[in-house]
N, C-alpha and C. Protein backbone atom coordinates (compact mmCIF):
# COMPACT_ATOMS: atom_id res chain seq x y z
N MET A 1 0.83 -1.18 0.00
CA MET A 1 0.00 0.00 0.00
C MET A 1 0.88 1.25 0.00
N TYR A 2 1.89 1.25 0.88
CA TYR A 2 2.79 2.40 0.96
C TYR A 2 3.53 2.60 -0.36
N ALA A 3 4.06 1.51 -0.93
CA ALA A 3 4.81 1.62 -2.18
C ALA A 3 3.94 2.16 -3.31
N ARG A 4 2.69 1.71 -3.35
CA ARG A 4 1.79 2.22 -4.39
C ARG A 4 1.49 3.70 -4.19
N ARG A 5 1.22 4.07 -2.93
CA ARG A 5 0.89 5.47 -2.64
C ARG A 5 2.05 6.40 -2.98
N LYS A 6 3.26 5.93 -2.73
CA LYS A 6 4.46 6.73 -3.03
C LYS A 6 4.93 6.54 -4.47
N GLU A 7 4.16 5.77 -5.24
CA GLU A 7 4.44 5.52 -6.65
C GLU A 7 5.83 4.93 -6.87
N MET A 8 6.20 4.00 -5.99
CA MET A 8 7.47 3.28 -6.13
C MET A 8 7.24 2.13 -7.10
N ALA A 9 8.17 1.95 -8.00
CA ALA A 9 8.06 0.85 -8.96
C ALA A 9 8.54 -0.43 -8.29
N PHE A 10 7.63 -1.38 -8.12
CA PHE A 10 8.02 -2.67 -7.56
C PHE A 10 7.49 -3.78 -8.45
N ASP A 11 8.21 -4.88 -8.45
CA ASP A 11 7.83 -6.01 -9.28
C ASP A 11 6.89 -6.96 -8.55
N SER A 12 7.22 -7.26 -7.30
CA SER A 12 6.38 -8.17 -6.53
C SER A 12 6.64 -7.99 -5.04
N ILE A 13 5.65 -8.39 -4.27
CA ILE A 13 5.75 -8.39 -2.81
C ILE A 13 5.19 -9.72 -2.33
N SER A 14 5.93 -10.39 -1.46
CA SER A 14 5.42 -11.62 -0.86
C SER A 14 5.92 -11.69 0.57
N VAL A 15 5.18 -12.44 1.37
CA VAL A 15 5.55 -12.61 2.78
C VAL A 15 5.46 -14.08 3.15
N ARG A 16 6.24 -14.45 4.14
CA ARG A 16 6.19 -15.80 4.67
C ARG A 16 6.26 -15.70 6.18
N TYR A 17 5.34 -16.39 6.84
CA TYR A 17 5.29 -16.40 8.30
C TYR A 17 5.45 -17.82 8.80
N GLU A 18 6.13 -17.97 9.92
CA GLU A 18 6.24 -19.25 10.60
C GLU A 18 5.90 -19.03 12.06
N TYR A 19 5.17 -19.95 12.62
CA TYR A 19 4.78 -19.87 14.03
C TYR A 19 5.27 -21.12 14.74
N ASP A 20 5.84 -20.92 15.92
CA ASP A 20 6.18 -22.06 16.76
C ASP A 20 6.23 -21.62 18.21
N ARG A 21 6.43 -22.59 19.08
CA ARG A 21 6.57 -22.30 20.52
C ARG A 21 7.97 -22.73 20.92
N VAL A 22 8.67 -21.85 21.61
CA VAL A 22 10.04 -22.14 22.01
C VAL A 22 10.15 -22.15 23.52
N HIS A 23 11.05 -22.97 24.01
CA HIS A 23 11.27 -23.08 25.45
C HIS A 23 11.88 -21.78 25.97
N ALA A 24 11.37 -21.32 27.10
CA ALA A 24 11.85 -20.08 27.71
C ALA A 24 12.32 -20.37 29.12
N ASP A 25 13.60 -20.21 29.37
CA ASP A 25 14.15 -20.48 30.70
C ASP A 25 13.67 -19.48 31.74
N ASP A 26 13.60 -18.22 31.37
CA ASP A 26 13.27 -17.16 32.33
C ASP A 26 11.87 -16.61 32.10
N CYS A 27 10.92 -17.47 32.03
CA CYS A 27 9.56 -17.05 31.74
C CYS A 27 8.70 -17.14 32.99
N ARG A 28 8.43 -16.00 33.60
CA ARG A 28 7.64 -15.97 34.84
C ARG A 28 6.15 -16.08 34.59
N ASP A 29 5.69 -15.52 33.47
CA ASP A 29 4.24 -15.42 33.23
C ASP A 29 3.74 -16.39 32.17
N CYS A 30 4.44 -17.49 31.97
CA CYS A 30 3.97 -18.43 30.95
C CYS A 30 4.20 -19.86 31.42
N ASP A 31 3.84 -20.80 30.57
CA ASP A 31 3.96 -22.21 30.93
C ASP A 31 5.34 -22.79 30.58
N GLY A 32 6.34 -21.93 30.47
CA GLY A 32 7.68 -22.38 30.10
C GLY A 32 7.96 -22.28 28.62
N PHE A 33 6.98 -21.84 27.86
CA PHE A 33 7.15 -21.68 26.43
C PHE A 33 6.68 -20.30 26.00
N LEU A 34 7.27 -19.80 24.94
CA LEU A 34 6.86 -18.53 24.35
C LEU A 34 6.42 -18.77 22.91
N ASP A 35 5.40 -18.04 22.49
CA ASP A 35 4.98 -18.08 21.10
C ASP A 35 5.96 -17.24 20.29
N ARG A 36 6.35 -17.75 19.13
CA ARG A 36 7.29 -17.01 18.29
C ARG A 36 6.75 -16.99 16.87
N VAL A 37 6.78 -15.82 16.27
CA VAL A 37 6.40 -15.65 14.87
C VAL A 37 7.62 -15.11 14.14
N ARG A 38 8.00 -15.79 13.10
CA ARG A 38 9.09 -15.32 12.24
C ARG A 38 8.48 -14.85 10.93
N SER A 39 8.92 -13.70 10.48
CA SER A 39 8.40 -13.20 9.22
C SER A 39 9.54 -12.88 8.27
N GLU A 40 9.27 -13.12 7.02
CA GLU A 40 10.19 -12.73 5.95
C GLU A 40 9.35 -11.98 4.91
N ILE A 41 9.79 -10.81 4.58
CA ILE A 41 9.09 -9.99 3.60
C ILE A 41 10.02 -9.79 2.42
N PHE A 42 9.52 -10.09 1.25
CA PHE A 42 10.30 -9.96 0.03
C PHE A 42 9.65 -8.90 -0.85
N ILE A 43 10.37 -7.83 -1.10
CA ILE A 43 9.88 -6.76 -1.97
C ILE A 43 10.89 -6.61 -3.09
N GLU A 44 10.45 -6.92 -4.28
CA GLU A 44 11.34 -6.86 -5.43
C GLU A 44 11.02 -5.64 -6.27
N GLY A 45 12.04 -4.91 -6.65
CA GLY A 45 11.87 -3.74 -7.48
C GLY A 45 13.17 -2.98 -7.59
N ASP A 46 13.09 -1.87 -8.28
CA ASP A 46 14.27 -1.03 -8.49
C ASP A 46 14.21 0.12 -7.48
N PHE A 47 14.80 -0.09 -6.29
CA PHE A 47 14.74 0.89 -5.21
C PHE A 47 16.11 1.47 -4.94
N ASP A 48 16.12 2.73 -4.52
CA ASP A 48 17.39 3.29 -4.06
C ASP A 48 17.54 2.95 -2.57
N ASP A 49 18.68 3.28 -1.99
CA ASP A 49 18.97 2.91 -0.60
C ASP A 49 17.95 3.50 0.38
N ALA A 50 17.57 4.74 0.17
CA ALA A 50 16.61 5.40 1.08
C ALA A 50 15.25 4.70 1.02
N GLU A 51 14.83 4.30 -0.17
CA GLU A 51 13.55 3.60 -0.32
C GLU A 51 13.60 2.23 0.36
N ARG A 52 14.71 1.55 0.25
CA ARG A 52 14.86 0.24 0.91
C ARG A 52 14.72 0.37 2.42
N VAL A 53 15.39 1.37 2.97
CA VAL A 53 15.31 1.60 4.42
C VAL A 53 13.89 1.93 4.82
N ARG A 54 13.24 2.81 4.08
CA ARG A 54 11.88 3.24 4.42
C ARG A 54 10.88 2.08 4.31
N LEU A 55 11.01 1.25 3.30
CA LEU A 55 10.11 0.10 3.17
C LEU A 55 10.27 -0.86 4.34
N GLY A 56 11.49 -1.03 4.82
CA GLY A 56 11.72 -1.86 6.00
C GLY A 56 11.06 -1.28 7.24
N GLU A 57 11.14 0.04 7.40
CA GLU A 57 10.50 0.70 8.54
C GLU A 57 8.98 0.57 8.48
N ILE A 58 8.43 0.78 7.31
CA ILE A 58 6.98 0.71 7.13
C ILE A 58 6.47 -0.71 7.38
N ALA A 59 7.22 -1.71 6.95
CA ALA A 59 6.80 -3.10 7.14
C ALA A 59 6.62 -3.42 8.63
N GLN A 60 7.43 -2.83 9.49
CA GLN A 60 7.32 -3.10 10.92
C GLN A 60 6.21 -2.29 11.58
N LYS A 61 5.58 -1.39 10.85
CA LYS A 61 4.49 -0.59 11.41
C LYS A 61 3.12 -1.05 10.96
N CYS A 62 3.06 -2.16 10.25
CA CYS A 62 1.75 -2.63 9.79
C CYS A 62 0.92 -3.07 10.99
N PRO A 63 -0.40 -2.99 10.89
CA PRO A 63 -1.28 -3.34 12.01
C PRO A 63 -1.09 -4.76 12.53
N VAL A 64 -0.87 -5.71 11.66
CA VAL A 64 -0.69 -7.10 12.09
C VAL A 64 0.60 -7.22 12.90
N HIS A 65 1.68 -6.63 12.41
CA HIS A 65 2.96 -6.68 13.13
C HIS A 65 2.83 -6.02 14.50
N LYS A 66 2.18 -4.88 14.57
CA LYS A 66 2.00 -4.19 15.84
C LYS A 66 1.20 -5.03 16.83
N THR A 67 0.13 -5.63 16.35
CA THR A 67 -0.73 -6.45 17.22
C THR A 67 0.03 -7.64 17.77
N LEU A 68 0.73 -8.34 16.91
CA LEU A 68 1.48 -9.51 17.36
C LEU A 68 2.63 -9.13 18.28
N SER A 69 3.25 -7.99 18.05
CA SER A 69 4.36 -7.54 18.89
C SER A 69 3.90 -7.13 20.28
N ASN A 70 2.74 -6.51 20.36
CA ASN A 70 2.25 -5.97 21.63
C ASN A 70 1.41 -6.95 22.42
N GLY A 71 1.07 -8.06 21.83
CA GLY A 71 0.22 -9.02 22.52
C GLY A 71 -1.24 -8.77 22.19
N ILE A 72 -2.02 -9.76 22.43
CA ILE A 72 -3.44 -9.69 22.09
C ILE A 72 -4.25 -9.87 23.37
N HIS A 73 -5.22 -9.03 23.57
CA HIS A 73 -6.14 -9.14 24.70
C HIS A 73 -7.49 -9.56 24.14
N PHE A 74 -7.98 -10.68 24.59
CA PHE A 74 -9.27 -11.17 24.13
C PHE A 74 -10.35 -10.78 25.12
N GLU A 75 -11.44 -10.31 24.61
CA GLU A 75 -12.66 -10.10 25.39
C GLU A 75 -13.72 -10.95 24.72
N GLU A 76 -14.13 -11.99 25.41
CA GLU A 76 -15.06 -12.93 24.79
C GLU A 76 -16.39 -12.95 25.55
N GLN A 77 -17.42 -13.10 24.77
CA GLN A 77 -18.73 -13.35 25.34
C GLN A 77 -19.24 -14.59 24.64
N ILE A 78 -19.50 -15.63 25.39
CA ILE A 78 -19.96 -16.89 24.82
C ILE A 78 -21.38 -17.15 25.29
N THR A 79 -22.25 -17.32 24.36
CA THR A 79 -23.64 -17.64 24.67
C THR A 79 -23.98 -19.00 24.10
N VAL A 80 -24.36 -19.90 24.95
CA VAL A 80 -24.74 -21.24 24.50
C VAL A 80 -26.23 -21.37 24.73
N GLY A 81 -26.99 -21.63 23.68
CA GLY A 81 -28.44 -21.70 23.83
C GLY A 81 -29.02 -23.01 23.47
């Protein structure tokens, strides 16, 4: 979205995510494991150095990245009828 708005010429954008649980030695508030998400973002195009840096910064500000980084608070209401 950012690249289009700034009219940057790009060939393709793809992402890959992996999720797993890793053992945590110093985890006071969990069951001994931490959730881990690894992301790889591939943006292909003819970019200068400043554009490359900016695209990396913008990628870390996306709503999904922010939510996963800050944790998720669930508020649930379950009605069984």
